[in-house]
Amino acid sequence: MEKINKVMTNTEYQELLNEFKKLEMEEEITGKDNSVRMNEIKELLEIDEEEDD
């Protein structure tokens, strides 16, 4: 699997962060399992943070 060399813009990063927080709140309030999407977002955010080093 080839590594994707794409650096996110600040706007894209903020949108993902907001979506993650929204899913986290929804999960707390409704008990709905959002872990799959939350893990996807977390991976994307971590990849971007590593590229900023």
N, C-alpha and C. Protein backbone atom coordinates (compact mmCIF):
# COMPACT_ATOMS: atom_id res chain seq x y z
N MET A 1 0.85 -1.19 0.00
CA MET A 1 0.00 0.00 0.00
C MET A 1 0.89 1.24 0.00
N GLU A 2 0.69 2.12 -0.94
CA GLU A 2 1.55 3.28 -1.02
C GLU A 2 1.09 4.38 -0.07
N LYS A 3 2.06 5.08 0.48
CA LYS A 3 1.75 6.16 1.42
C LYS A 3 1.26 7.36 0.64
N ILE A 4 0.23 7.98 1.18
CA ILE A 4 -0.32 9.16 0.53
C ILE A 4 0.44 10.38 1.05
N ASN A 5 1.04 11.13 0.15
CA ASN A 5 1.79 12.33 0.54
C ASN A 5 0.95 13.57 0.30
N LYS A 6 -0.04 13.75 1.14
CA LYS A 6 -0.90 14.93 1.02
C LYS A 6 -0.92 15.63 2.36
N VAL A 7 -0.59 16.88 2.34
CA VAL A 7 -0.65 17.66 3.56
C VAL A 7 -2.00 18.38 3.57
N MET A 8 -2.68 18.26 4.69
CA MET A 8 -3.99 18.90 4.82
C MET A 8 -3.85 20.39 5.00
N THR A 9 -4.81 21.10 4.49
CA THR A 9 -4.86 22.52 4.79
C THR A 9 -5.40 22.68 6.20
N ASN A 10 -5.19 23.83 6.77
CA ASN A 10 -5.67 24.10 8.12
C ASN A 10 -7.19 23.96 8.18
N THR A 11 -7.88 24.38 7.12
CA THR A 11 -9.34 24.29 7.08
C THR A 11 -9.79 22.83 7.10
N GLU A 12 -9.15 21.99 6.29
CA GLU A 12 -9.48 20.56 6.27
C GLU A 12 -9.25 19.94 7.64
N TYR A 13 -8.15 20.31 8.27
CA TYR A 13 -7.81 19.79 9.59
C TYR A 13 -8.89 20.19 10.61
N GLN A 14 -9.28 21.46 10.59
CA GLN A 14 -10.30 21.95 11.51
C GLN A 14 -11.65 21.26 11.28
N GLU A 15 -11.99 21.04 10.01
CA GLU A 15 -13.26 20.37 9.70
C GLU A 15 -13.28 18.95 10.25
N LEU A 16 -12.17 18.24 10.09
CA LEU A 16 -12.09 16.88 10.63
C LEU A 16 -12.15 16.89 12.15
N LEU A 17 -11.45 17.84 12.76
CA LEU A 17 -11.46 17.96 14.21
C LEU A 17 -12.87 18.25 14.72
N ASN A 18 -13.58 19.14 14.04
CA ASN A 18 -14.96 19.46 14.42
C ASN A 18 -15.87 18.25 14.26
N GLU A 19 -15.70 17.51 13.16
CA GLU A 19 -16.52 16.32 12.95
C GLU A 19 -16.25 15.30 14.05
N PHE A 20 -14.98 15.15 14.42
CA PHE A 20 -14.62 14.21 15.48
C PHE A 20 -15.29 14.59 16.80
N LYS A 21 -15.22 15.87 17.15
CA LYS A 21 -15.83 16.34 18.39
C LYS A 21 -17.34 16.16 18.38
N LYS A 22 -17.95 16.42 17.23
CA LYS A 22 -19.41 16.24 17.08
C LYS A 22 -19.79 14.78 17.28
N LEU A 23 -19.03 13.87 16.66
CA LEU A 23 -19.31 12.44 16.80
C LEU A 23 -19.12 11.99 18.25
N GLU A 24 -18.10 12.55 18.89
CA GLU A 24 -17.82 12.21 20.29
C GLU A 24 -18.99 12.63 21.19
N MET A 25 -19.50 13.83 20.98
CA MET A 25 -20.64 14.31 21.76
C MET A 25 -21.89 13.48 21.49
N GLU A 26 -22.13 13.20 20.20
CA GLU A 26 -23.29 12.40 19.82
C GLU A 26 -23.23 11.03 20.50
N GLU A 27 -22.04 10.46 20.54
CA GLU A 27 -21.86 9.14 21.14
C GLU A 27 -22.19 9.19 22.64
N GLU A 28 -21.74 10.25 23.32
CA GLU A 28 -22.01 10.41 24.75
C GLU A 28 -23.50 10.59 25.01
N ILE A 29 -24.16 11.38 24.18
CA ILE A 29 -25.57 11.71 24.40
C ILE A 29 -26.49 10.54 24.04
N THR A 30 -26.28 9.95 22.87
CA THR A 30 -27.22 8.94 22.37
C THR A 30 -26.75 7.51 22.62
N GLY A 31 -25.47 7.33 22.89
CA GLY A 31 -24.93 5.98 23.06
C GLY A 31 -24.67 5.29 21.73
N LYS A 32 -24.86 6.01 20.62
CA LYS A 32 -24.62 5.47 19.28
C LYS A 32 -23.11 5.22 19.11
N ASP A 33 -22.76 4.12 18.50
CA ASP A 33 -21.35 3.78 18.32
C ASP A 33 -20.80 4.45 17.06
N ASN A 34 -19.97 5.45 17.26
CA ASN A 34 -19.33 6.16 16.14
C ASN A 34 -17.84 5.84 16.05
N SER A 35 -17.41 4.78 16.69
CA SER A 35 -15.97 4.51 16.81
C SER A 35 -15.27 4.29 15.47
N VAL A 36 -15.96 3.70 14.50
CA VAL A 36 -15.31 3.43 13.21
C VAL A 36 -14.91 4.75 12.54
N ARG A 37 -15.86 5.66 12.41
CA ARG A 37 -15.57 6.95 11.78
C ARG A 37 -14.60 7.78 12.63
N MET A 38 -14.75 7.70 13.94
CA MET A 38 -13.85 8.45 14.83
C MET A 38 -12.41 7.95 14.68
N ASN A 39 -12.23 6.65 14.54
CA ASN A 39 -10.88 6.10 14.34
C ASN A 39 -10.30 6.52 13.00
N GLU A 40 -11.14 6.56 11.96
CA GLU A 40 -10.68 7.02 10.65
C GLU A 40 -10.18 8.46 10.74
N ILE A 41 -10.96 9.31 11.41
CA ILE A 41 -10.59 10.72 11.55
C ILE A 41 -9.31 10.83 12.36
N LYS A 42 -9.23 10.09 13.45
CA LYS A 42 -8.05 10.13 14.31
C LYS A 42 -6.79 9.77 13.51
N GLU A 43 -6.89 8.74 12.66
CA GLU A 43 -5.76 8.35 11.83
C GLU A 43 -5.36 9.47 10.88
N LEU A 44 -6.33 10.10 10.26
CA LEU A 44 -6.04 11.20 9.34
C LEU A 44 -5.36 12.36 10.07
N LEU A 45 -5.84 12.67 11.24
CA LEU A 45 -5.27 13.78 12.01
C LEU A 45 -3.86 13.45 12.47
N GLU A 46 -3.62 12.21 12.88
CA GLU A 46 -2.29 11.80 13.32
C GLU A 46 -1.30 11.83 12.17
N ILE A 47 -1.72 11.37 11.01
CA ILE A 47 -0.84 11.38 9.83
C ILE A 47 -0.42 12.81 9.52
N ASP A 48 -1.37 13.74 9.58
CA ASP A 48 -1.05 15.13 9.28
C ASP A 48 -0.11 15.72 10.32
N GLU A 49 -0.29 15.38 11.60
CA GLU A 49 0.57 15.89 12.65
C GLU A 49 1.99 15.40 12.46
N GLU A 50 2.17 14.13 12.03
CA GLU A 50 3.50 13.58 11.81
C GLU A 50 4.22 14.34 10.69
N GLU A 51 3.50 14.74 9.67
CA GLU A 51 4.11 15.45 8.55
C GLU A 51 4.52 16.87 8.92
N ASP A 52 3.93 17.41 9.99
CA ASP A 52 4.28 18.76 10.43
C ASP A 52 5.59 18.83 11.19
N ASP A 53 6.11 17.68 11.62
CA ASP A 53 7.35 17.65 12.41
C ASP A 53 8.53 18.22 11.65
